[in-house]
Amino acid sequence: MAGSYGKQKKTVRGLVQSLGVCVLAAMVVYFFVPHDDHAPEVKRIDYSVELVTARRAASYPVAAPEGLTKDWKATSVTYDGKDSQHWHLGFQDPEGQYVQIEQGRQNRADFIDEASQGASATRRTEEINGRTWTRYTGGRYDALVLEDTPGSTTVVAGTASFGRLTKMAAALKMTKA
């Protein structure tokens, strides 16, 4: 075993050299390859065609905001005209938080649970434009649920504050074409 010490010494030296090269390469990538720490800009969508379609097809008055400032960005819209007649309209609020309007004819409890991502009803209600909304908290989203919509359930939910959810609920106009 006279020659094994030299082989081990070379192996350790090679390992240290390789590690040094890897660290140097990582530093070059980190400092010289551009990277952006900011979230990508959310694109605004036009939901007018889907809104007209939903208002014509749905058996209930479909909700959409009117009069919000331009710093509210519509980001997503869907309407499923099948049995549930599910209407979804998503927004980014001026602070970058998410707010969605959900309406549908599904089982009320299941629909609220899905739209609010598992939030639970509180004992707190709010009067917004003459309508009673119940606050839901504790899920992924906070939510406001409209209490007087026969034939459908209306939920305003998201990561935004209750102040922003209330602003959205106040801007909603529910009409049927």
N, C-alpha and C. Protein backbone atom coordinates (compact mmCIF):
# COMPACT_ATOMS: atom_id res chain seq x y z
N MET A 1 0.82 -1.17 0.00
CA MET A 1 0.00 0.00 0.00
C MET A 1 0.87 1.25 0.00
N ALA A 2 2.01 1.14 -0.47
CA ALA A 2 2.93 2.27 -0.45
C ALA A 2 2.46 3.40 -1.35
N GLY A 3 1.78 3.11 -2.46
CA GLY A 3 1.42 4.16 -3.39
C GLY A 3 0.02 4.71 -3.21
N SER A 4 -0.77 4.25 -2.27
CA SER A 4 -2.16 4.70 -2.16
C SER A 4 -2.29 6.09 -1.56
N TYR A 5 -1.36 6.53 -0.72
CA TYR A 5 -1.44 7.86 -0.13
C TYR A 5 -1.38 8.93 -1.21
N GLY A 6 -0.55 8.77 -2.18
CA GLY A 6 -0.43 9.73 -3.27
C GLY A 6 -1.69 9.81 -4.12
N LYS A 7 -2.32 8.65 -4.33
CA LYS A 7 -3.57 8.64 -5.11
C LYS A 7 -4.68 9.36 -4.36
N GLN A 8 -4.75 9.15 -3.03
CA GLN A 8 -5.77 9.82 -2.24
C GLN A 8 -5.55 11.33 -2.23
N LYS A 9 -4.29 11.74 -2.16
CA LYS A 9 -3.96 13.15 -2.14
C LYS A 9 -4.40 13.80 -3.45
N LYS A 10 -4.16 13.12 -4.56
CA LYS A 10 -4.57 13.65 -5.87
C LYS A 10 -6.09 13.70 -5.98
N THR A 11 -6.78 12.71 -5.43
CA THR A 11 -8.24 12.66 -5.50
C THR A 11 -8.85 13.81 -4.71
N VAL A 12 -8.36 14.08 -3.53
CA VAL A 12 -8.86 15.18 -2.70
C VAL A 12 -8.58 16.51 -3.38
N ARG A 13 -7.37 16.67 -3.93
CA ARG A 13 -7.02 17.90 -4.63
C ARG A 13 -7.94 18.11 -5.83
N GLY A 14 -8.22 17.07 -6.56
CA GLY A 14 -9.11 17.17 -7.72
C GLY A 14 -10.54 17.53 -7.30
N LEU A 15 -10.98 16.97 -6.20
CA LEU A 15 -12.31 17.28 -5.69
C LEU A 15 -12.42 18.75 -5.29
N VAL A 16 -11.42 19.27 -4.59
CA VAL A 16 -11.40 20.67 -4.19
C VAL A 16 -11.35 21.57 -5.41
N GLN A 17 -10.55 21.23 -6.42
CA GLN A 17 -10.47 22.03 -7.64
C GLN A 17 -11.81 22.03 -8.37
N SER A 18 -12.45 20.89 -8.47
CA SER A 18 -13.75 20.80 -9.13
C SER A 18 -14.79 21.63 -8.41
N LEU A 19 -14.79 21.56 -7.09
CA LEU A 19 -15.72 22.35 -6.30
C LEU A 19 -15.48 23.84 -6.52
N GLY A 20 -14.23 24.26 -6.57
CA GLY A 20 -13.89 25.65 -6.82
C GLY A 20 -14.38 26.12 -8.18
N VAL A 21 -14.23 25.29 -9.20
CA VAL A 21 -14.71 25.63 -10.55
C VAL A 21 -16.23 25.77 -10.55
N CYS A 22 -16.93 24.86 -9.86
CA CYS A 22 -18.39 24.93 -9.79
C CYS A 22 -18.86 26.20 -9.09
N VAL A 23 -18.22 26.56 -7.99
CA VAL A 23 -18.59 27.78 -7.26
C VAL A 23 -18.32 29.00 -8.13
N LEU A 24 -17.20 29.03 -8.82
CA LEU A 24 -16.87 30.14 -9.71
C LEU A 24 -17.91 30.25 -10.83
N ALA A 25 -18.30 29.14 -11.43
CA ALA A 25 -19.31 29.15 -12.49
C ALA A 25 -20.65 29.65 -11.96
N ALA A 26 -21.04 29.24 -10.77
CA ALA A 26 -22.29 29.69 -10.17
C ALA A 26 -22.26 31.20 -9.93
N MET A 27 -21.12 31.72 -9.47
CA MET A 27 -20.99 33.15 -9.24
C MET A 27 -21.09 33.93 -10.55
N VAL A 28 -20.48 33.43 -11.60
CA VAL A 28 -20.57 34.09 -12.91
C VAL A 28 -22.02 34.14 -13.37
N VAL A 29 -22.72 33.03 -13.27
CA VAL A 29 -24.13 33.00 -13.68
C VAL A 29 -24.95 33.97 -12.84
N TYR A 30 -24.74 33.97 -11.54
CA TYR A 30 -25.53 34.83 -10.65
C TYR A 30 -25.30 36.31 -10.96
N PHE A 31 -24.05 36.71 -11.17
CA PHE A 31 -23.75 38.13 -11.34
C PHE A 31 -23.91 38.63 -12.77
N PHE A 32 -23.75 37.78 -13.76
CA PHE A 32 -23.72 38.27 -15.14
C PHE A 32 -24.93 37.88 -15.98
N VAL A 33 -25.72 36.94 -15.55
CA VAL A 33 -26.94 36.59 -16.29
C VAL A 33 -28.07 37.42 -15.71
N PRO A 34 -28.75 38.23 -16.55
CA PRO A 34 -29.81 39.09 -16.02
C PRO A 34 -30.97 38.26 -15.47
N HIS A 35 -31.49 38.68 -14.34
CA HIS A 35 -32.68 38.06 -13.77
C HIS A 35 -33.51 39.15 -13.11
N ASP A 36 -34.81 38.97 -13.17
CA ASP A 36 -35.75 39.96 -12.67
C ASP A 36 -36.47 39.38 -11.47
N ASP A 37 -36.43 40.09 -10.37
CA ASP A 37 -37.07 39.63 -9.15
C ASP A 37 -38.54 40.04 -9.07
N HIS A 38 -39.00 40.82 -10.02
CA HIS A 38 -40.39 41.30 -9.99
C HIS A 38 -41.30 40.33 -10.74
N ALA A 39 -42.54 40.26 -10.27
CA ALA A 39 -43.53 39.42 -10.94
C ALA A 39 -43.83 40.01 -12.31
N PRO A 40 -44.15 39.17 -13.28
CA PRO A 40 -44.45 39.70 -14.61
C PRO A 40 -45.72 40.55 -14.58
N GLU A 41 -45.77 41.51 -15.46
CA GLU A 41 -46.93 42.39 -15.57
C GLU A 41 -48.16 41.59 -15.97
N VAL A 42 -49.24 41.77 -15.24
CA VAL A 42 -50.49 41.08 -15.54
C VAL A 42 -51.17 41.81 -16.68
N LYS A 43 -51.59 41.07 -17.70
CA LYS A 43 -52.22 41.69 -18.86
C LYS A 43 -53.71 41.87 -18.63
N ARG A 44 -54.20 43.01 -19.05
CA ARG A 44 -55.62 43.33 -18.97
C ARG A 44 -56.36 42.62 -20.10
N ILE A 45 -57.53 42.07 -19.80
CA ILE A 45 -58.34 41.44 -20.83
C ILE A 45 -59.64 42.21 -21.02
N ASP A 46 -60.26 42.02 -22.17
CA ASP A 46 -61.58 42.59 -22.45
C ASP A 46 -62.58 41.46 -22.28
N TYR A 47 -63.52 41.64 -21.38
CA TYR A 47 -64.50 40.58 -21.10
C TYR A 47 -65.89 40.92 -21.63
N SER A 48 -66.02 41.95 -22.44
CA SER A 48 -67.34 42.41 -22.88
C SER A 48 -68.13 41.37 -23.67
N VAL A 49 -67.46 40.62 -24.55
CA VAL A 49 -68.16 39.61 -25.34
C VAL A 49 -68.68 38.49 -24.44
N GLU A 50 -67.85 38.02 -23.52
CA GLU A 50 -68.27 36.96 -22.61
C GLU A 50 -69.40 37.43 -21.70
N LEU A 51 -69.37 38.70 -21.30
CA LEU A 51 -70.42 39.23 -20.44
C LEU A 51 -71.76 39.26 -21.17
N VAL A 52 -71.76 39.73 -22.40
CA VAL A 52 -73.00 39.75 -23.19
C VAL A 52 -73.53 38.33 -23.38
N THR A 53 -72.63 37.39 -23.69
CA THR A 53 -73.02 35.99 -23.88
C THR A 53 -73.63 35.42 -22.60
N ALA A 54 -72.97 35.65 -21.47
CA ALA A 54 -73.46 35.12 -20.19
C ALA A 54 -74.81 35.74 -19.83
N ARG A 55 -74.96 37.04 -20.05
CA ARG A 55 -76.23 37.69 -19.71
C ARG A 55 -77.37 37.21 -20.59
N ARG A 56 -77.08 36.81 -21.80
CA ARG A 56 -78.12 36.26 -22.67
C ARG A 56 -78.48 34.83 -22.28
N ALA A 57 -77.47 34.06 -21.88
CA ALA A 57 -77.68 32.62 -21.66
C ALA A 57 -78.09 32.26 -20.24
N ALA A 58 -77.64 32.99 -19.26
CA ALA A 58 -77.88 32.61 -17.87
C ALA A 58 -79.34 32.85 -17.48
N SER A 59 -79.81 32.04 -16.56
CA SER A 59 -81.18 32.17 -16.07
C SER A 59 -81.27 33.17 -14.92
N TYR A 60 -80.15 33.76 -14.52
CA TYR A 60 -80.10 34.73 -13.42
C TYR A 60 -79.42 36.00 -13.92
N PRO A 61 -79.60 37.13 -13.23
CA PRO A 61 -78.90 38.37 -13.59
C PRO A 61 -77.40 38.22 -13.32
N VAL A 62 -76.60 38.42 -14.35
CA VAL A 62 -75.15 38.24 -14.25
C VAL A 62 -74.49 39.52 -13.74
N ALA A 63 -73.56 39.36 -12.81
CA ALA A 63 -72.89 40.49 -12.16
C ALA A 63 -71.59 40.85 -12.87
N ALA A 64 -71.39 42.15 -13.05
CA ALA A 64 -70.13 42.69 -13.56
C ALA A 64 -69.99 44.11 -13.02
N PRO A 65 -68.78 44.56 -12.76
CA PRO A 65 -68.60 45.89 -12.17
C PRO A 65 -68.76 47.00 -13.21
N GLU A 66 -69.23 48.12 -12.72
CA GLU A 66 -69.30 49.35 -13.51
C GLU A 66 -68.73 50.47 -12.67
N GLY A 67 -67.92 51.32 -13.30
CA GLY A 67 -67.41 52.50 -12.62
C GLY A 67 -66.14 52.31 -11.82
N LEU A 68 -65.48 51.17 -11.93
CA LEU A 68 -64.20 51.02 -11.25
C LEU A 68 -63.14 51.85 -11.98
N THR A 69 -62.14 52.29 -11.25
CA THR A 69 -61.05 53.06 -11.88
C THR A 69 -60.21 52.14 -12.77
N LYS A 70 -59.43 52.74 -13.64
CA LYS A 70 -58.64 51.97 -14.61
C LYS A 70 -57.52 51.14 -13.98
N ASP A 71 -57.21 51.41 -12.71
CA ASP A 71 -56.15 50.62 -12.07
C ASP A 71 -56.66 49.27 -11.58
N TRP A 72 -57.92 48.96 -11.79
CA TRP A 72 -58.45 47.60 -11.61
C TRP A 72 -58.31 46.92 -12.96
N LYS A 73 -57.59 45.80 -13.01
CA LYS A 73 -57.36 45.09 -14.28
C LYS A 73 -58.15 43.79 -14.33
N ALA A 74 -59.00 43.65 -15.34
CA ALA A 74 -59.65 42.36 -15.56
C ALA A 74 -58.59 41.40 -16.06
N THR A 75 -58.50 40.21 -15.44
CA THR A 75 -57.44 39.27 -15.78
C THR A 75 -57.96 37.92 -16.28
N SER A 76 -59.21 37.57 -15.95
CA SER A 76 -59.73 36.27 -16.38
C SER A 76 -61.25 36.31 -16.45
N VAL A 77 -61.80 35.54 -17.39
CA VAL A 77 -63.25 35.45 -17.52
C VAL A 77 -63.62 34.09 -18.10
N THR A 78 -64.66 33.49 -17.55
CA THR A 78 -65.21 32.26 -18.11
C THR A 78 -66.70 32.21 -17.84
N TYR A 79 -67.40 31.55 -18.73
CA TYR A 79 -68.81 31.26 -18.50
C TYR A 79 -69.06 29.85 -19.00
N ASP A 80 -69.57 29.01 -18.11
CA ASP A 80 -69.94 27.64 -18.45
C ASP A 80 -71.46 27.59 -18.46
N GLY A 81 -72.03 27.50 -19.63
CA GLY A 81 -73.48 27.57 -19.79
C GLY A 81 -74.21 26.28 -19.51
N LYS A 82 -73.53 25.27 -19.03
CA LYS A 82 -74.20 24.00 -18.74
C LYS A 82 -75.08 24.16 -17.50
N ASP A 83 -75.39 23.07 -16.83
CA ASP A 83 -76.33 23.09 -15.70
C ASP A 83 -75.99 24.11 -14.63
N SER A 84 -74.71 24.25 -14.29
CA SER A 84 -74.33 25.15 -13.19
C SER A 84 -74.37 26.61 -13.60
N GLN A 85 -74.31 26.88 -14.89
CA GLN A 85 -74.28 28.26 -15.40
C GLN A 85 -73.27 29.10 -14.61
N HIS A 86 -72.05 28.63 -14.55
CA HIS A 86 -71.01 29.24 -13.73
C HIS A 86 -70.37 30.44 -14.45
N TRP A 87 -70.43 31.61 -13.84
CA TRP A 87 -69.83 32.85 -14.33
C TRP A 87 -68.65 33.19 -13.42
N HIS A 88 -67.50 33.47 -14.03
CA HIS A 88 -66.29 33.86 -13.29
C HIS A 88 -65.69 35.08 -13.97
N LEU A 89 -65.34 36.07 -13.15
CA LEU A 89 -64.65 37.26 -13.64
C LEU A 89 -63.60 37.63 -12.60
N GLY A 90 -62.31 37.62 -13.01
CA GLY A 90 -61.21 37.89 -12.09
C GLY A 90 -60.55 39.23 -12.37
N PHE A 91 -60.08 39.88 -11.31
CA PHE A 91 -59.43 41.19 -11.40
C PHE A 91 -58.19 41.24 -10.54
N GLN A 92 -57.26 42.10 -10.94
CA GLN A 92 -56.16 42.50 -10.07
C GLN A 92 -56.53 43.89 -9.56
N ASP A 93 -56.54 44.06 -8.24
CA ASP A 93 -56.91 45.36 -7.68
C ASP A 93 -55.73 46.33 -7.76
N PRO A 94 -55.93 47.60 -7.42
CA PRO A 94 -54.85 48.59 -7.51
C PRO A 94 -53.61 48.25 -6.67
N GLU A 95 -53.76 47.42 -5.66
CA GLU A 95 -52.63 47.04 -4.81
C GLU A 95 -51.98 45.73 -5.27
N GLY A 96 -52.44 45.17 -6.40
CA GLY A 96 -51.86 43.95 -6.92
C GLY A 96 -52.47 42.67 -6.36
N GLN A 97 -53.55 42.78 -5.60
CA GLN A 97 -54.21 41.61 -5.03
C GLN A 97 -55.31 41.11 -5.98
N TYR A 98 -55.75 39.89 -5.75
CA TYR A 98 -56.73 39.25 -6.62
C TYR A 98 -58.14 39.38 -6.05
N VAL A 99 -59.10 39.70 -6.93
CA VAL A 99 -60.52 39.76 -6.58
C VAL A 99 -61.28 39.05 -7.68
N GLN A 100 -62.20 38.17 -7.30
CA GLN A 100 -63.00 37.46 -8.30
C GLN A 100 -64.48 37.58 -7.97
N ILE A 101 -65.26 37.55 -9.04
CA ILE A 101 -66.72 37.49 -8.93
C ILE A 101 -67.10 36.10 -9.42
N GLU A 102 -67.83 35.37 -8.61
CA GLU A 102 -68.27 34.02 -8.96
C GLU A 102 -69.78 33.95 -8.81
N GLN A 103 -70.45 33.43 -9.81
CA GLN A 103 -71.89 33.20 -9.73
C GLN A 103 -72.19 31.85 -10.32
N GLY A 104 -73.20 31.19 -9.77
CA GLY A 104 -73.58 29.90 -10.31
C GLY A 104 -74.84 29.37 -9.68
N ARG A 105 -75.32 28.28 -10.26
CA ARG A 105 -76.56 27.65 -9.80
C ARG A 105 -76.28 26.34 -9.04
N GLN A 106 -75.05 26.09 -8.68
CA GLN A 106 -74.70 24.87 -7.96
C GLN A 106 -75.27 24.91 -6.54
N ASN A 107 -75.12 23.81 -5.82
CA ASN A 107 -75.48 23.77 -4.42
C ASN A 107 -74.79 24.94 -3.72
N ARG A 108 -75.56 25.73 -2.98
CA ARG A 108 -75.05 26.98 -2.40
C ARG A 108 -73.82 26.76 -1.51
N ALA A 109 -73.89 25.82 -0.57
CA ALA A 109 -72.77 25.60 0.36
C ALA A 109 -71.52 25.16 -0.38
N ASP A 110 -71.67 24.24 -1.34
CA ASP A 110 -70.52 23.78 -2.11
C ASP A 110 -69.93 24.90 -2.96
N PHE A 111 -70.80 25.69 -3.55
CA PHE A 111 -70.35 26.78 -4.41
C PHE A 111 -69.56 27.81 -3.59
N ILE A 112 -70.07 28.19 -2.43
CA ILE A 112 -69.37 29.16 -1.57
C ILE A 112 -68.03 28.60 -1.12
N ASP A 113 -68.01 27.33 -0.73
CA ASP A 113 -66.76 26.70 -0.30
C ASP A 113 -65.72 26.71 -1.41
N GLU A 114 -66.14 26.40 -2.62
CA GLU A 114 -65.22 26.39 -3.75
C GLU A 114 -64.76 27.81 -4.11
N ALA A 115 -65.69 28.75 -4.19
CA ALA A 115 -65.35 30.12 -4.59
C ALA A 115 -64.47 30.82 -3.56
N SER A 116 -64.66 30.50 -2.28
CA SER A 116 -63.89 31.16 -1.23
C SER A 116 -62.66 30.36 -0.81
N GLN A 117 -62.44 29.22 -1.47
CA GLN A 117 -61.30 28.36 -1.15
C GLN A 117 -61.33 27.91 0.31
N GLY A 118 -62.53 27.57 0.80
CA GLY A 118 -62.65 26.99 2.13
C GLY A 118 -62.92 27.95 3.26
N ALA A 119 -63.31 29.17 2.98
CA ALA A 119 -63.60 30.13 4.05
C ALA A 119 -64.90 29.76 4.76
N SER A 120 -65.06 30.24 5.98
CA SER A 120 -66.25 29.97 6.78
C SER A 120 -67.01 31.27 7.04
N ALA A 121 -68.31 31.15 7.15
CA ALA A 121 -69.15 32.32 7.41
C ALA A 121 -68.84 32.90 8.78
N THR A 122 -68.87 34.21 8.86
CA THR A 122 -68.77 34.91 10.13
C THR A 122 -70.17 35.41 10.49
N ARG A 123 -70.31 36.00 11.62
CA ARG A 123 -71.59 36.58 12.01
C ARG A 123 -71.73 38.02 11.51
N ARG A 124 -70.72 38.47 10.80
CA ARG A 124 -70.71 39.87 10.34
C ARG A 124 -71.30 40.00 8.95
N THR A 125 -72.22 40.93 8.80
CA THR A 125 -72.81 41.23 7.49
C THR A 125 -72.56 42.70 7.18
N GLU A 126 -72.68 43.02 5.89
CA GLU A 126 -72.52 44.39 5.45
C GLU A 126 -73.65 44.73 4.50
N GLU A 127 -74.16 45.94 4.63
CA GLU A 127 -75.15 46.45 3.69
C GLU A 127 -74.39 47.21 2.62
N ILE A 128 -74.48 46.74 1.39
CA ILE A 128 -73.80 47.39 0.27
C ILE A 128 -74.85 47.62 -0.81
N ASN A 129 -75.10 48.88 -1.10
CA ASN A 129 -76.11 49.27 -2.09
C ASN A 129 -77.47 48.60 -1.82
N GLY A 130 -77.86 48.56 -0.56
CA GLY A 130 -79.17 48.03 -0.20
C GLY A 130 -79.26 46.51 -0.17
N ARG A 131 -78.15 45.83 -0.32
CA ARG A 131 -78.14 44.36 -0.28
C ARG A 131 -77.27 43.89 0.87
N THR A 132 -77.65 42.74 1.43
CA THR A 132 -76.92 42.18 2.56
C THR A 132 -75.89 41.17 2.07
N TRP A 133 -74.64 41.38 2.47
CA TRP A 133 -73.53 40.49 2.14
C TRP A 133 -72.97 39.94 3.44
N THR A 134 -72.67 38.64 3.48
CA THR A 134 -72.07 38.02 4.66
C THR A 134 -70.58 37.84 4.43
N ARG A 135 -69.79 38.16 5.46
CA ARG A 135 -68.34 37.97 5.38
C ARG A 135 -67.98 36.52 5.65
N TYR A 136 -67.02 36.03 4.87
CA TYR A 136 -66.43 34.70 5.07
C TYR A 136 -64.93 34.88 5.22
N THR A 137 -64.33 34.17 6.18
CA THR A 137 -62.89 34.26 6.40
C THR A 137 -62.32 32.87 6.68
N GLY A 138 -60.99 32.79 6.68
CA GLY A 138 -60.31 31.58 7.13
C GLY A 138 -59.85 30.65 6.04
N GLY A 139 -60.25 30.85 4.83
CA GLY A 139 -59.79 30.02 3.73
C GLY A 139 -58.61 30.68 3.05
N ARG A 140 -58.34 30.23 1.86
CA ARG A 140 -57.28 30.87 1.07
C ARG A 140 -57.68 32.31 0.74
N TYR A 141 -58.98 32.51 0.51
CA TYR A 141 -59.52 33.83 0.21
C TYR A 141 -60.45 34.27 1.33
N ASP A 142 -60.60 35.57 1.46
CA ASP A 142 -61.72 36.13 2.20
C ASP A 142 -62.83 36.34 1.18
N ALA A 143 -64.07 36.44 1.65
CA ALA A 143 -65.17 36.53 0.69
C ALA A 143 -66.33 37.32 1.27
N LEU A 144 -67.13 37.85 0.35
CA LEU A 144 -68.44 38.42 0.63
C LEU A 144 -69.45 37.62 -0.17
N VAL A 145 -70.51 37.16 0.48
CA VAL A 145 -71.52 36.34 -0.19
C VAL A 145 -72.85 37.09 -0.12
N LEU A 146 -73.46 37.29 -1.27
CA LEU A 146 -74.74 37.99 -1.36
C LEU A 146 -75.85 37.08 -0.87
N GLU A 147 -76.69 37.59 -0.01
CA GLU A 147 -77.70 36.77 0.64
C GLU A 147 -79.04 36.69 -0.09
N ASP A 148 -79.32 37.58 -1.01
CA ASP A 148 -80.67 37.61 -1.59
C ASP A 148 -80.67 37.41 -3.10
N THR A 149 -80.08 36.34 -3.56
CA THR A 149 -80.07 36.08 -5.00
C THR A 149 -80.78 34.77 -5.30
N PRO A 150 -82.08 34.80 -5.50
CA PRO A 150 -82.80 33.57 -5.81
C PRO A 150 -82.36 33.00 -7.16
N GLY A 151 -82.15 31.68 -7.18
CA GLY A 151 -81.77 31.02 -8.43
C GLY A 151 -80.29 30.98 -8.70
N SER A 152 -79.48 31.66 -7.88
CA SER A 152 -78.03 31.63 -8.06
C SER A 152 -77.36 32.06 -6.77
N THR A 153 -76.05 31.88 -6.72
CA THR A 153 -75.24 32.35 -5.59
C THR A 153 -74.19 33.29 -6.14
N THR A 154 -74.00 34.42 -5.46
CA THR A 154 -73.01 35.41 -5.88
C THR A 154 -71.97 35.56 -4.78
N VAL A 155 -70.69 35.42 -5.18
CA VAL A 155 -69.57 35.51 -4.24
C VAL A 155 -68.52 36.46 -4.82
N VAL A 156 -68.06 37.39 -4.00
CA VAL A 156 -66.90 38.23 -4.32
C VAL A 156 -65.81 37.78 -3.36
N ALA A 157 -64.72 37.27 -3.90
CA ALA A 157 -63.68 36.68 -3.04
C ALA A 157 -62.30 37.01 -3.59
N GLY A 158 -61.27 36.80 -2.75
CA GLY A 158 -59.91 36.99 -3.23
C GLY A 158 -58.94 37.23 -2.10
N THR A 159 -57.72 37.56 -2.50
CA THR A 159 -56.65 37.84 -1.55
C THR A 159 -56.66 39.30 -1.10
N ALA A 160 -57.50 40.11 -1.71
CA ALA A 160 -57.58 41.52 -1.38
C ALA A 160 -58.23 41.72 -0.01
N SER A 161 -58.08 42.91 0.52
CA SER A 161 -58.69 43.26 1.81
C SER A 161 -60.21 43.32 1.67
N PHE A 162 -60.88 43.28 2.82
CA PHE A 162 -62.34 43.41 2.79
C PHE A 162 -62.75 44.77 2.24
N GLY A 163 -61.92 45.79 2.42
CA GLY A 163 -62.23 47.09 1.83
C GLY A 163 -62.30 47.01 0.32
N ARG A 164 -61.36 46.29 -0.30
CA ARG A 164 -61.36 46.13 -1.76
C ARG A 164 -62.49 45.21 -2.21
N LEU A 165 -62.77 44.15 -1.45
CA LEU A 165 -63.89 43.27 -1.80
C LEU A 165 -65.19 44.05 -1.74
N THR A 166 -65.33 44.91 -0.74
CA THR A 166 -66.53 45.74 -0.62
C THR A 166 -66.64 46.72 -1.78
N LYS A 167 -65.52 47.28 -2.19
CA LYS A 167 -65.53 48.21 -3.33
C LYS A 167 -66.01 47.48 -4.60
N MET A 168 -65.55 46.24 -4.80
CA MET A 168 -66.00 45.47 -5.95
C MET A 168 -67.49 45.16 -5.85
N ALA A 169 -67.93 44.72 -4.67
CA ALA A 169 -69.35 44.39 -4.48
C ALA A 169 -70.21 45.62 -4.73
N ALA A 170 -69.76 46.78 -4.31
CA ALA A 170 -70.52 48.02 -4.52
C ALA A 170 -70.60 48.40 -5.99
N ALA A 171 -69.62 48.00 -6.77
CA ALA A 171 -69.59 48.35 -8.20
C ALA A 171 -70.39 47.38 -9.07
N LEU A 172 -70.83 46.26 -8.49
CA LEU A 172 -71.51 45.25 -9.30
C LEU A 172 -72.89 45.70 -9.76
N LYS A 173 -73.14 45.48 -11.02
CA LYS A 173 -74.47 45.67 -11.63
C LYS A 173 -74.91 44.31 -12.11
N MET A 174 -76.08 43.90 -11.66
CA MET A 174 -76.59 42.58 -12.03
C MET A 174 -77.76 42.77 -12.99
N THR A 175 -77.52 42.33 -14.23
CA THR A 175 -78.58 42.47 -15.24
C THR A 175 -78.65 41.21 -16.08
N LYS A 176 -79.78 41.08 -16.72
CA LYS A 176 -80.03 39.97 -17.65
C LYS A 176 -80.41 40.58 -18.97
N ALA A 177 -79.84 40.05 -20.04
CA ALA A 177 -80.12 40.60 -21.38
C ALA A 177 -81.49 40.17 -21.86
